[in-house]
Amino acid sequence: MRLAVRATPRGGRDAIDGWTRDEAGRPVLKVRVSAAASEGAANAAVLALLAKSLGIPKSRLSLARGDTSRLKQIEAEGVTPEDLARAFGAPPG
């Protein structure tokens, strides 16, 4: 499954800030990490935080798109919509 994420590097702390919608109206999970957006540190921190929140190994998550963008597509192997709802609440309908 693919998960849309809006990442905020240097966000002061590592946290999931819940769901929002992008400009096209699609649900996006807001994530902030304390790591800077240099040399992939923020991307690695986002993947680690998501894995921890979902209770899965980091190896099951990969960055599919958005390496240098705040909007990212995360490929989550074996993760269901129910898993996302349990970890982050239900996305906006």
PDB file of N, CA and C in Angstrom:
ATOM      1  N   MET A   1       0.841  -1.173   0.000  1.00  0.00           N
ATOM      2  CA  MET A   1       0.000   0.000   0.000  1.00  0.00           C
ATOM      3  C   MET A   1       0.880   1.227   0.000  1.00  0.00           C
ATOM      4  N   ARG A   2       0.405   2.280  -0.622  1.00  0.00           N
ATOM      5  CA  ARG A   2       1.121   3.564  -0.633  1.00  0.00           C
ATOM      6  C   ARG A   2       0.479   4.511   0.363  1.00  0.00           C
ATOM      7  N   LEU A   3       1.325   5.255   1.041  1.00  0.00           N
ATOM      8  CA  LEU A   3       0.892   6.216   2.052  1.00  0.00           C
ATOM      9  C   LEU A   3       1.450   7.574   1.677  1.00  0.00           C
ATOM     10  N   ALA A   4       0.585   8.568   1.570  1.00  0.00           N
ATOM     11  CA  ALA A   4       1.013   9.938   1.285  1.00  0.00           C
ATOM     12  C   ALA A   4       1.347  10.624   2.607  1.00  0.00           C
ATOM     13  N   VAL A   5       2.530  11.252   2.645  1.00  0.00           N
ATOM     14  CA  VAL A   5       3.027  11.887   3.865  1.00  0.00           C
ATOM     15  C   VAL A   5       3.499  13.296   3.536  1.00  0.00           C
ATOM     16  N   ARG A   6       3.178  14.237   4.416  1.00  0.00           N
ATOM     17  CA  ARG A   6       3.741  15.592   4.326  1.00  0.00           C
ATOM     18  C   ARG A   6       4.718  15.728   5.475  1.00  0.00           C
ATOM     19  N   ALA A   7       6.008  15.765   5.146  1.00  0.00           N
ATOM     20  CA  ALA A   7       7.061  15.784   6.153  1.00  0.00           C
ATOM     21  C   ALA A   7       7.517  17.204   6.447  1.00  0.00           C
ATOM     22  N   THR A   8       7.784  17.462   7.725  1.00  0.00           N
ATOM     23  CA  THR A   8       8.355  18.736   8.157  1.00  0.00           C
ATOM     24  C   THR A   8       9.682  18.439   8.847  1.00  0.00           C
ATOM     25  N   PRO A   9      10.804  18.655   8.134  1.00  0.00           N
ATOM     26  CA  PRO A   9      12.105  18.460   8.784  1.00  0.00           C
ATOM     27  C   PRO A   9      12.390  19.596   9.757  1.00  0.00           C
ATOM     28  N   ARG A  10      13.272  19.331  10.710  1.00  0.00           N
ATOM     29  CA  ARG A  10      13.580  20.302  11.765  1.00  0.00           C
ATOM     30  C   ARG A  10      12.307  20.792  12.453  1.00  0.00           C
ATOM     31  N   GLY A  11      11.406  19.845  12.697  1.00  0.00           N
ATOM     32  CA  GLY A  11      10.121  20.172  13.312  1.00  0.00           C
ATOM     33  C   GLY A  11      10.162  20.266  14.819  1.00  0.00           C
ATOM     34  N   GLY A  12      11.349  20.173  15.412  1.00  0.00           N
ATOM     35  CA  GLY A  12      11.480  20.318  16.853  1.00  0.00           C
ATOM     36  C   GLY A  12      11.399  19.004  17.604  1.00  0.00           C
ATOM     37  N   ARG A  13      10.643  18.055  17.093  1.00  0.00           N
ATOM     38  CA  ARG A  13      10.503  16.737  17.726  1.00  0.00           C
ATOM     39  C   ARG A  13       9.992  15.773  16.674  1.00  0.00           C
ATOM     40  N   ASP A  14      10.065  14.502  16.970  1.00  0.00           N
ATOM     41  CA  ASP A  14       9.520  13.491  16.066  1.00  0.00           C
ATOM     42  C   ASP A  14       8.093  13.194  16.504  1.00  0.00           C
ATOM     43  N   ALA A  15       7.126  13.449  15.608  1.00  0.00           N
ATOM     44  CA  ALA A  15       5.727  13.258  15.968  1.00  0.00           C
ATOM     45  C   ALA A  15       4.853  13.103  14.723  1.00  0.00           C
ATOM     46  N   ILE A  16       3.761  12.396  14.912  1.00  0.00           N
ATOM     47  CA  ILE A  16       2.718  12.292  13.900  1.00  0.00           C
ATOM     48  C   ILE A  16       1.665  13.323  14.276  1.00  0.00           C
ATOM     49  N   ASP A  17       1.364  14.240  13.363  1.00  0.00           N
ATOM     50  CA  ASP A  17       0.421  15.321  13.651  1.00  0.00           C
ATOM     51  C   ASP A  17      -0.972  15.060  13.100  1.00  0.00           C
ATOM     52  N   GLY A  18      -1.248  13.857  12.637  1.00  0.00           N
ATOM     53  CA  GLY A  18      -2.586  13.507  12.175  1.00  0.00           C
ATOM     54  C   GLY A  18      -2.763  13.707  10.678  1.00  0.00           C
ATOM     55  N   TRP A  19      -3.992  13.575  10.263  1.00  0.00           N
ATOM     56  CA  TRP A  19      -4.338  13.628   8.836  1.00  0.00           C
ATOM     57  C   TRP A  19      -4.765  15.025   8.402  1.00  0.00           C
ATOM     58  N   THR A  20      -4.505  15.329   7.160  1.00  0.00           N
ATOM     59  CA  THR A  20      -4.989  16.543   6.505  1.00  0.00           C
ATOM     60  C   THR A  20      -5.293  16.164   5.061  1.00  0.00           C
ATOM     61  N   ARG A  21      -5.621  17.132   4.262  1.00  0.00           N
ATOM     62  CA  ARG A  21      -5.840  16.890   2.834  1.00  0.00           C
ATOM     63  C   ARG A  21      -4.876  17.757   2.032  1.00  0.00           C
ATOM     64  N   ASP A  22      -4.407  17.233   0.906  1.00  0.00           N
ATOM     65  CA  ASP A  22      -3.559  18.042   0.030  1.00  0.00           C
ATOM     66  C   ASP A  22      -4.444  18.924  -0.836  1.00  0.00           C
ATOM     67  N   GLU A  23      -3.826  19.708  -1.719  1.00  0.00           N
ATOM     68  CA  GLU A  23      -4.595  20.648  -2.548  1.00  0.00           C
ATOM     69  C   GLU A  23      -5.556  19.951  -3.496  1.00  0.00           C
ATOM     70  N   ALA A  24      -5.328  18.653  -3.768  1.00  0.00           N
ATOM     71  CA  ALA A  24      -6.237  17.886  -4.629  1.00  0.00           C
ATOM     72  C   ALA A  24      -7.321  17.178  -3.820  1.00  0.00           C
ATOM     73  N   GLY A  25      -7.297  17.346  -2.503  1.00  0.00           N
ATOM     74  CA  GLY A  25      -8.319  16.743  -1.654  1.00  0.00           C
ATOM     75  C   GLY A  25      -8.010  15.335  -1.179  1.00  0.00           C
ATOM     76  N   ARG A  26      -6.787  14.844  -1.454  1.00  0.00           N
ATOM     77  CA  ARG A  26      -6.396  13.499  -1.033  1.00  0.00           C
ATOM     78  C   ARG A  26      -5.896  13.526   0.405  1.00  0.00           C
ATOM     79  N   PRO A  27      -6.165  12.448   1.176  1.00  0.00           N
ATOM     80  CA  PRO A  27      -5.675  12.409   2.553  1.00  0.00           C
ATOM     81  C   PRO A  27      -4.154  12.276   2.602  1.00  0.00           C
ATOM     82  N   VAL A  28      -3.542  13.046   3.499  1.00  0.00           N
ATOM     83  CA  VAL A  28      -2.092  13.064   3.680  1.00  0.00           C
ATOM     84  C   VAL A  28      -1.806  13.039   5.181  1.00  0.00           C
ATOM     85  N   LEU A  29      -0.873  12.192   5.591  1.00  0.00           N
ATOM     86  CA  LEU A  29      -0.474  12.119   6.992  1.00  0.00           C
ATOM     87  C   LEU A  29       0.626  13.147   7.256  1.00  0.00           C
ATOM     88  N   LYS A  30       0.415  14.005   8.255  1.00  0.00           N
ATOM     89  CA  LYS A  30       1.410  15.028   8.607  1.00  0.00           C
ATOM     90  C   LYS A  30       2.400  14.438   9.616  1.00  0.00           C
ATOM     91  N   VAL A  31       3.686  14.545   9.270  1.00  0.00           N
ATOM     92  CA  VAL A  31       4.746  13.997  10.107  1.00  0.00           C
ATOM     93  C   VAL A  31       5.809  15.069  10.298  1.00  0.00           C
ATOM     94  N   ARG A  32       6.292  15.232  11.528  1.00  0.00           N
ATOM     95  CA  ARG A  32       7.401  16.151  11.777  1.00  0.00           C
ATOM     96  C   ARG A  32       8.547  15.358  12.388  1.00  0.00           C
ATOM     97  N   VAL A  33       9.745  15.706  11.983  1.00  0.00           N
ATOM     98  CA  VAL A  33      10.942  15.063  12.527  1.00  0.00           C
ATOM     99  C   VAL A  33      11.950  16.138  12.910  1.00  0.00           C
ATOM    100  N   SER A  34      12.770  15.824  13.885  1.00  0.00           N
ATOM    101  CA  SER A  34      13.772  16.800  14.326  1.00  0.00           C
ATOM    102  C   SER A  34      14.985  16.828  13.404  1.00  0.00           C
ATOM    103  N   ALA A  35      15.175  15.797  12.600  1.00  0.00           N
ATOM    104  CA  ALA A  35      16.326  15.726  11.698  1.00  0.00           C
ATOM    105  C   ALA A  35      16.229  16.772  10.593  1.00  0.00           C
ATOM    106  N   ALA A  36      17.383  17.235  10.150  1.00  0.00           N
ATOM    107  CA  ALA A  36      17.451  18.187   9.035  1.00  0.00           C
ATOM    108  C   ALA A  36      17.285  17.439   7.717  1.00  0.00           C
ATOM    109  N   ALA A  37      16.880  18.184   6.706  1.00  0.00           N
ATOM    110  CA  ALA A  37      16.649  17.591   5.380  1.00  0.00           C
ATOM    111  C   ALA A  37      17.944  17.569   4.574  1.00  0.00           C
ATOM    112  N   SER A  38      19.001  17.038   5.154  1.00  0.00           N
ATOM    113  CA  SER A  38      20.268  16.968   4.422  1.00  0.00           C
ATOM    114  C   SER A  38      20.757  15.527   4.394  1.00  0.00           C
ATOM    115  N   GLU A  39      21.223  15.123   3.242  1.00  0.00           N
ATOM    116  CA  GLU A  39      21.779  13.798   3.035  1.00  0.00           C
ATOM    117  C   GLU A  39      20.827  12.682   3.451  1.00  0.00           C
ATOM    118  N   GLY A  40      19.530  12.896   3.290  1.00  0.00           N
ATOM    119  CA  GLY A  40      18.539  11.855   3.555  1.00  0.00           C
ATOM    120  C   GLY A  40      18.207  11.621   5.013  1.00  0.00           C
ATOM    121  N   ALA A  41      18.717  12.450   5.904  1.00  0.00           N
ATOM    122  CA  ALA A  41      18.478  12.246   7.335  1.00  0.00           C
ATOM    123  C   ALA A  41      17.003  12.366   7.689  1.00  0.00           C
ATOM    124  N   ALA A  42      16.325  13.353   7.144  1.00  0.00           N
ATOM    125  CA  ALA A  42      14.902  13.531   7.447  1.00  0.00           C
ATOM    126  C   ALA A  42      14.084  12.379   6.875  1.00  0.00           C
ATOM    127  N   ASN A  43      14.412  11.932   5.670  1.00  0.00           N
ATOM    128  CA  ASN A  43      13.692  10.801   5.082  1.00  0.00           C
ATOM    129  C   ASN A  43      13.841   9.552   5.943  1.00  0.00           C
ATOM    130  N   ALA A  44      15.055   9.284   6.410  1.00  0.00           N
ATOM    131  CA  ALA A  44      15.299   8.128   7.269  1.00  0.00           C
ATOM    132  C   ALA A  44      14.526   8.260   8.582  1.00  0.00           C
ATOM    133  N   ALA A  45      14.472   9.471   9.127  1.00  0.00           N
ATOM    134  CA  ALA A  45      13.739   9.696  10.379  1.00  0.00           C
ATOM    135  C   ALA A  45      12.236   9.498  10.181  1.00  0.00           C
ATOM    136  N   VAL A  46      11.706   9.929   9.039  1.00  0.00           N
ATOM    137  CA  VAL A  46      10.288   9.741   8.738  1.00  0.00           C
ATOM    138  C   VAL A  46       9.972   8.246   8.665  1.00  0.00           C
ATOM    139  N   LEU A  47      10.790   7.488   7.945  1.00  0.00           N
ATOM    140  CA  LEU A  47      10.563   6.045   7.823  1.00  0.00           C
ATOM    141  C   LEU A  47      10.660   5.354   9.181  1.00  0.00           C
ATOM    142  N   ALA A  48      11.629   5.744   9.999  1.00  0.00           N
ATOM    143  CA  ALA A  48      11.791   5.147  11.328  1.00  0.00           C
ATOM    144  C   ALA A  48      10.585   5.450  12.218  1.00  0.00           C
ATOM    145  N   LEU A  49      10.104   6.685  12.180  1.00  0.00           N
ATOM    146  CA  LEU A  49       8.948   7.069  12.997  1.00  0.00           C
ATOM    147  C   LEU A  49       7.691   6.323  12.558  1.00  0.00           C
ATOM    148  N   LEU A  50       7.478   6.232  11.244  1.00  0.00           N
ATOM    149  CA  LEU A  50       6.309   5.508  10.748  1.00  0.00           C
ATOM    150  C   LEU A  50       6.381   4.035  11.132  1.00  0.00           C
ATOM    151  N   ALA A  51       7.550   3.421  10.979  1.00  0.00           N
ATOM    152  CA  ALA A  51       7.708   2.008  11.332  1.00  0.00           C
ATOM    153  C   ALA A  51       7.418   1.777  12.816  1.00  0.00           C
ATOM    154  N   LYS A  52       7.948   2.646  13.656  1.00  0.00           N
ATOM    155  CA  LYS A  52       7.718   2.524  15.095  1.00  0.00           C
ATOM    156  C   LYS A  52       6.236   2.673  15.425  1.00  0.00           C
ATOM    157  N   SER A  53       5.581   3.652  14.815  1.00  0.00           N
ATOM    158  CA  SER A  53       4.159   3.893  15.070  1.00  0.00           C
ATOM    159  C   SER A  53       3.283   2.739  14.599  1.00  0.00           C
ATOM    160  N   LEU A  54       3.675   2.125  13.473  1.00  0.00           N
ATOM    161  CA  LEU A  54       2.918   0.997  12.930  1.00  0.00           C
ATOM    162  C   LEU A  54       3.291  -0.327  13.594  1.00  0.00           C
ATOM    163  N   GLY A  55       4.405  -0.357  14.319  1.00  0.00           N
ATOM    164  CA  GLY A  55       4.852  -1.585  14.960  1.00  0.00           C
ATOM    165  C   GLY A  55       5.398  -2.600  13.972  1.00  0.00           C
ATOM    166  N   ILE A  56       6.072  -2.108  12.935  1.00  0.00           N
ATOM    167  CA  ILE A  56       6.641  -2.987  11.915  1.00  0.00           C
ATOM    168  C   ILE A  56       8.130  -2.670  11.746  1.00  0.00           C
ATOM    169  N   PRO A  57       8.889  -3.592  11.152  1.00  0.00           N
ATOM    170  CA  PRO A  57      10.310  -3.290  10.891  1.00  0.00           C
ATOM    171  C   PRO A  57      10.455  -2.196   9.834  1.00  0.00           C
ATOM    172  N   LYS A  58      11.505  -1.390   9.972  1.00  0.00           N
ATOM    173  CA  LYS A  58      11.766  -0.326   8.990  1.00  0.00           C
ATOM    174  C   LYS A  58      11.953  -0.885   7.588  1.00  0.00           C
ATOM    175  N   SER A  59      12.400  -2.116   7.496  1.00  0.00           N
ATOM    176  CA  SER A  59      12.657  -2.723   6.183  1.00  0.00           C
ATOM    177  C   SER A  59      11.380  -2.905   5.361  1.00  0.00           C
ATOM    178  N   ARG A  60      10.216  -2.824   5.988  1.00  0.00           N
ATOM    179  CA  ARG A  60       8.949  -2.955   5.258  1.00  0.00           C
ATOM    180  C   ARG A  60       8.456  -1.630   4.695  1.00  0.00           C
ATOM    181  N   LEU A  61       9.185  -0.546   4.963  1.00  0.00           N
ATOM    182  CA  LEU A  61       8.834   0.771   4.445  1.00  0.00           C
ATOM    183  C   LEU A  61       9.926   1.259   3.508  1.00  0.00           C
ATOM    184  N   SER A  62       9.521   1.897   2.434  1.00  0.00           N
ATOM    185  CA  SER A  62      10.501   2.495   1.527  1.00  0.00           C
ATOM    186  C   SER A  62       9.919   3.771   0.928  1.00  0.00           C
ATOM    187  N   LEU A  63      10.811   4.655   0.550  1.00  0.00           N
ATOM    188  CA  LEU A  63      10.412   5.919  -0.065  1.00  0.00           C
ATOM    189  C   LEU A  63      10.196   5.668  -1.559  1.00  0.00           C
ATOM    190  N   ALA A  64       8.959   5.762  -2.004  1.00  0.00           N
ATOM    191  CA  ALA A  64       8.634   5.500  -3.408  1.00  0.00           C
ATOM    192  C   ALA A  64       8.788   6.754  -4.256  1.00  0.00           C
ATOM    193  N   ARG A  65       8.488   7.912  -3.664  1.00  0.00           N
ATOM    194  CA  ARG A  65       8.562   9.174  -4.401  1.00  0.00           C
ATOM    195  C   ARG A  65       8.695  10.321  -3.416  1.00  0.00           C
ATOM    196  N   GLY A  66       9.372  11.396  -3.837  1.00  0.00           N
ATOM    197  CA  GLY A  66       9.457  12.602  -3.023  1.00  0.00           C
ATOM    198  C   GLY A  66      10.720  12.718  -2.208  1.00  0.00           C
ATOM    199  N   ASP A  67      11.811  12.188  -2.720  1.00  0.00           N
ATOM    200  CA  ASP A  67      13.076  12.204  -1.990  1.00  0.00           C
ATOM    201  C   ASP A  67      13.462  13.607  -1.506  1.00  0.00           C
ATOM    202  N   THR A  68      13.259  14.627  -2.326  1.00  0.00           N
ATOM    203  CA  THR A  68      13.637  15.991  -1.945  1.00  0.00           C
ATOM    204  C   THR A  68      12.426  16.899  -1.725  1.00  0.00           C
ATOM    205  N   SER A  69      11.261  16.336  -1.693  1.00  0.00           N
ATOM    206  CA  SER A  69      10.022  17.103  -1.530  1.00  0.00           C
ATOM    207  C   SER A  69       9.458  16.881  -0.130  1.00  0.00           C
ATOM    208  N   ARG A  70       8.664  17.822   0.335  1.00  0.00           N
ATOM    209  CA  ARG A  70       7.953  17.612   1.602  1.00  0.00           C
ATOM    210  C   ARG A  70       6.851  16.579   1.449  1.00  0.00           C
ATOM    211  N   LEU A  71       6.243  16.527   0.266  1.00  0.00           N
ATOM    212  CA  LEU A  71       5.213  15.524   0.005  1.00  0.00           C
ATOM    213  C   LEU A  71       5.880  14.256  -0.499  1.00  0.00           C
ATOM    214  N   LYS A  72       5.642  13.164   0.219  1.00  0.00           N
ATOM    215  CA  LYS A  72       6.304  11.900  -0.074  1.00  0.00           C
ATOM    216  C   LYS A  72       5.277  10.788  -0.244  1.00  0.00           C
ATOM    217  N   GLN A  73       5.650   9.804  -1.029  1.00  0.00           N
ATOM    218  CA  GLN A  73       4.863   8.583  -1.159  1.00  0.00           C
ATOM    219  C   GLN A  73       5.692   7.474  -0.524  1.00  0.00           C
ATOM    220  N   ILE A  74       5.133   6.829   0.494  1.00  0.00           N
ATOM    221  CA  ILE A  74       5.818   5.759   1.208  1.00  0.00           C
ATOM    222  C   ILE A  74       5.168   4.441   0.809  1.00  0.00           C
ATOM    223  N   GLU A  75       5.979   3.500   0.372  1.00  0.00           N
ATOM    224  CA  GLU A  75       5.502   2.150   0.081  1.00  0.00           C
ATOM    225  C   GLU A  75       5.585   1.355   1.375  1.00  0.00           C
ATOM    226  N   ALA A  76       4.430   0.853   1.829  1.00  0.00           N
ATOM    227  CA  ALA A  76       4.344   0.123   3.090  1.00  0.00           C
ATOM    228  C   ALA A  76       3.940  -1.318   2.799  1.00  0.00           C
ATOM    229  N   GLU A  77       4.915  -2.194   2.804  1.00  0.00           N
ATOM    230  CA  GLU A  77       4.691  -3.595   2.481  1.00  0.00           C
ATOM    231  C   GLU A  77       3.902  -4.300   3.589  1.00  0.00           C
ATOM    232  N   GLY A  78       2.775  -4.897   3.199  1.00  0.00           N
ATOM    233  CA  GLY A  78       1.973  -5.655   4.143  1.00  0.00           C
ATOM    234  C   GLY A  78       1.131  -4.836   5.097  1.00  0.00           C
ATOM    235  N   VAL A  79       1.047  -3.530   4.890  1.00  0.00           N
ATOM    236  CA  VAL A  79       0.251  -2.652   5.755  1.00  0.00           C
ATOM    237  C   VAL A  79      -1.124  -2.465   5.124  1.00  0.00           C
ATOM    238  N   THR A  80      -2.162  -2.595   5.930  1.00  0.00           N
ATOM    239  CA  THR A  80      -3.537  -2.464   5.456  1.00  0.00           C
ATOM    240  C   THR A  80      -4.119  -1.117   5.892  1.00  0.00           C
ATOM    241  N   PRO A  81      -5.223  -0.706   5.271  1.00  0.00           N
ATOM    242  CA  PRO A  81      -5.899   0.512   5.742  1.00  0.00           C
ATOM    243  C   PRO A  81      -6.294   0.428   7.218  1.00  0.00           C
ATOM    244  N   GLU A  82      -6.618  -0.768   7.684  1.00  0.00           N
ATOM    245  CA  GLU A  82      -6.971  -0.954   9.091  1.00  0.00           C
ATOM    246  C   GLU A  82      -5.765  -0.700   9.997  1.00  0.00           C
ATOM    247  N   ASP A  83      -4.576  -1.130   9.539  1.00  0.00           N
ATOM    248  CA  ASP A  83      -3.352  -0.863  10.301  1.00  0.00           C
ATOM    249  C   ASP A  83      -3.108   0.643  10.423  1.00  0.00           C
ATOM    250  N   LEU A  84      -3.321   1.373   9.315  1.00  0.00           N
ATOM    251  CA  LEU A  84      -3.138   2.831   9.332  1.00  0.00           C
ATOM    252  C   LEU A  84      -4.130   3.486  10.295  1.00  0.00           C
ATOM    253  N   ALA A  85      -5.391   3.067  10.228  1.00  0.00           N
ATOM    254  CA  ALA A  85      -6.414   3.640  11.105  1.00  0.00           C
ATOM    255  C   ALA A  85      -6.095   3.373  12.566  1.00  0.00           C
ATOM    256  N   ARG A  86      -5.610   2.174  12.860  1.00  0.00           N
ATOM    257  CA  ARG A  86      -5.270   1.812  14.234  1.00  0.00           C
ATOM    258  C   ARG A  86      -4.096   2.667  14.749  1.00  0.00           C
ATOM    259  N   ALA A  87      -3.105   2.899  13.906  1.00  0.00           N
ATOM    260  CA  ALA A  87      -1.917   3.645  14.343  1.00  0.00           C
ATOM    261  C   ALA A  87      -2.112   5.153  14.326  1.00  0.00           C
ATOM    262  N   PHE A  88      -2.849   5.676  13.326  1.00  0.00           N
ATOM    263  CA  PHE A  88      -2.912   7.136  13.112  1.00  0.00           C
ATOM    264  C   PHE A  88      -4.330   7.700  13.140  1.00  0.00           C
ATOM    265  N   GLY A  89      -5.319   6.884  13.368  1.00  0.00           N
ATOM    266  CA  GLY A  89      -6.707   7.329  13.266  1.00  0.00           C
ATOM    267  C   GLY A  89      -7.173   7.193  11.833  1.00  0.00           C
ATOM    268  N   ALA A  90      -8.449   7.273  11.638  1.00  0.00           N
ATOM    269  CA  ALA A  90      -9.005   7.133  10.288  1.00  0.00           C
ATOM    270  C   ALA A  90      -8.687   8.363   9.452  1.00  0.00           C
ATOM    271  N   PRO A  91      -8.254   8.149   8.204  1.00  0.00           N
ATOM    272  CA  PRO A  91      -8.021   9.309   7.320  1.00  0.00           C
ATOM    273  C   PRO A  91      -9.328  10.016   7.031  1.00  0.00           C
ATOM    274  N   PRO A  92      -9.273  11.290   6.690  1.00  0.00           N
ATOM    275  CA  PRO A  92     -10.517  12.019   6.397  1.00  0.00           C
ATOM    276  C   PRO A  92     -11.250  11.360   5.241  1.00  0.00           C
ATOM    277  N   GLY A  93     -12.551  11.206   5.431  1.00  0.00           N
ATOM    278  CA  GLY A  93     -13.381  10.520   4.422  1.00  0.00           C
ATOM    279  C   GLY A  93     -13.692  11.378   3.290  1.00  0.00           C
TER     280      GLY A  93
END
